Amino acid sequence: MIKVSDLARKRVALLMEDEGFNSVEDYVRVGVTSGGCSGLSYQLKFDKETNENDKVFQDNGVKIVVDKKSFLYLVGTTLEYSGGLNGKGFYFDNPNASRTCGCGESFSL
């Protein structure tokens, strides 16, 4: 399961509406690809559909879809949002990551 913090939930809803998505019906697609300075990079986008190999979750009012391969890297992860002075945006609190890069956009196991 992937969790969503309260701040991330609020920001997701705003961004989905801004981009023409329905925050009640549509999904936040989370994934992992190879790349980045630590080996694996996070992906985050909005989607209206699911695929055959997707796992679907709902947490804190947000529908999340993850492909099965990415799910193995993301079990127990929380989607967070920071609006502070040092950085603004979404980030992942991933208990499976043994190392992350300085910007927090990539990780390794």
Protein backbone atom coordinates (compact mmCIF):
# COMPACT_ATOMS: atom_id res chain seq x y z
CA MET A 1 0.00 0.00 0.00
CA ILE A 2 1.06 3.56 -0.67
CA LYS A 3 -0.07 6.26 1.73
CA VAL A 4 -0.80 9.94 1.06
CA SER A 5 -0.18 12.67 3.65
CA ASP A 6 -2.78 15.38 4.28
CA LEU A 7 -0.66 18.09 2.61
CA ALA A 8 -0.06 15.88 -0.45
CA ARG A 9 -3.80 15.10 -0.68
CA LYS A 10 -4.71 18.78 -0.75
CA ARG A 11 -2.07 19.61 -3.35
CA VAL A 12 -3.00 16.61 -5.53
CA ALA A 13 -6.63 17.73 -5.61
CA LEU A 14 -5.68 21.27 -6.64
CA LEU A 15 -3.27 20.17 -9.36
CA MET A 16 -5.65 17.56 -10.76
CA GLU A 17 -8.39 20.15 -11.13
CA ASP A 18 -5.93 22.60 -12.74
CA GLU A 19 -4.95 19.96 -15.31
CA GLY A 20 -8.51 18.88 -16.15
CA PHE A 21 -8.64 15.73 -14.04
CA ASN A 22 -11.33 14.82 -11.54
CA SER A 23 -9.74 14.29 -8.12
CA VAL A 24 -12.58 11.94 -7.09
CA GLU A 25 -12.65 9.71 -10.18
CA ASP A 26 -9.14 9.88 -11.70
CA TYR A 27 -5.83 8.47 -10.46
CA VAL A 28 -2.40 9.50 -9.35
CA ARG A 29 0.00 7.18 -11.18
CA VAL A 30 3.19 6.46 -9.24
CA GLY A 31 6.07 4.54 -10.76
CA VAL A 32 9.76 3.77 -10.67
CA THR A 33 12.14 3.81 -13.63
CA SER A 34 15.85 3.20 -13.92
CA GLY A 35 17.89 6.38 -13.94
CA GLY A 36 18.85 9.26 -11.73
CA CYS A 37 22.04 9.66 -9.76
CA SER A 38 21.13 6.88 -7.29
CA GLY A 39 19.93 4.33 -9.84
CA LEU A 40 16.12 4.51 -9.67
CA SER A 41 13.84 7.51 -10.19
CA TYR A 42 10.29 8.19 -9.08
CA GLN A 43 7.54 9.07 -11.53
CA LEU A 44 4.34 10.88 -10.65
CA LYS A 45 1.54 11.84 -13.04
CA PHE A 46 -2.24 11.87 -13.34
CA ASP A 47 -4.19 9.25 -15.26
CA LYS A 48 -7.79 8.53 -16.17
CA GLU A 49 -7.32 4.79 -16.79
CA THR A 50 -5.76 1.71 -15.26
CA ASN A 51 -3.90 -1.08 -17.04
CA GLU A 52 -4.13 -4.84 -16.62
CA ASN A 53 -0.88 -5.02 -14.62
CA ASP A 54 -1.75 -2.17 -12.23
CA LYS A 55 -2.44 -2.26 -8.52
CA VAL A 56 -5.02 0.28 -7.36
CA PHE A 57 -5.15 1.78 -3.88
CA GLN A 58 -7.03 4.54 -2.18
CA ASP A 59 -5.65 6.44 0.78
CA ASN A 60 -6.78 9.69 2.33
CA GLY A 61 -9.27 10.22 -0.51
CA VAL A 62 -6.67 9.83 -3.29
CA LYS A 63 -6.83 7.01 -5.83
CA ILE A 64 -3.35 5.69 -6.57
CA VAL A 65 -2.37 3.37 -9.39
CA VAL A 66 1.01 1.61 -9.58
CA ASP A 67 2.31 -0.95 -12.07
CA LYS A 68 3.24 -4.26 -10.40
CA LYS A 69 6.97 -3.91 -11.07
CA SER A 70 7.14 -0.45 -9.47
CA PHE A 71 5.00 -1.61 -6.56
CA LEU A 72 7.81 -3.89 -5.36
CA TYR A 73 9.99 -0.79 -4.81
CA LEU A 74 7.22 1.31 -3.29
CA VAL A 75 5.57 -0.90 -0.66
CA GLY A 76 5.06 1.17 2.49
CA THR A 77 5.93 4.48 0.81
CA THR A 78 4.18 7.72 1.74
CA LEU A 79 3.61 10.49 -0.80
CA GLU A 80 4.44 13.77 0.94
CA TYR A 81 4.32 17.42 -0.06
CA SER A 82 6.55 20.25 1.12
CA GLY A 83 5.82 23.88 0.48
CA GLY A 84 8.71 25.24 2.52
CA LEU A 85 11.36 27.77 1.61
CA ASN A 86 14.01 25.15 0.87
CA GLY A 87 11.96 23.37 -1.72
CA LYS A 88 8.47 22.99 -2.94
CA GLY A 89 6.94 19.86 -4.32
CA PHE A 90 6.08 16.24 -3.86
CA TYR A 91 8.53 13.77 -2.42
CA PHE A 92 8.47 10.12 -1.40
CA ASP A 93 9.16 8.80 2.09
CA ASN A 94 10.28 5.32 1.04
CA PRO A 95 11.33 2.92 3.83
CA ASN A 96 12.81 0.54 1.22
CA ALA A 97 15.40 3.05 -0.04
CA SER A 98 18.86 2.43 1.36
CA ARG A 99 20.31 5.52 -0.34
CA THR A 100 18.81 8.65 -1.89
CA CYS A 101 20.34 11.46 -3.88
CA GLY A 102 20.59 15.00 -2.55
CA CYS A 103 17.51 16.20 -4.42
CA GLY A 104 15.39 13.22 -3.29
CA GLU A 105 14.26 12.33 -6.79
CA SER A 106 16.20 9.09 -7.08
CA PHE A 107 17.08 6.21 -4.79
CA SER A 108 18.63 2.76 -4.57
CA LEU A 109 17.80 -0.36 -2.59
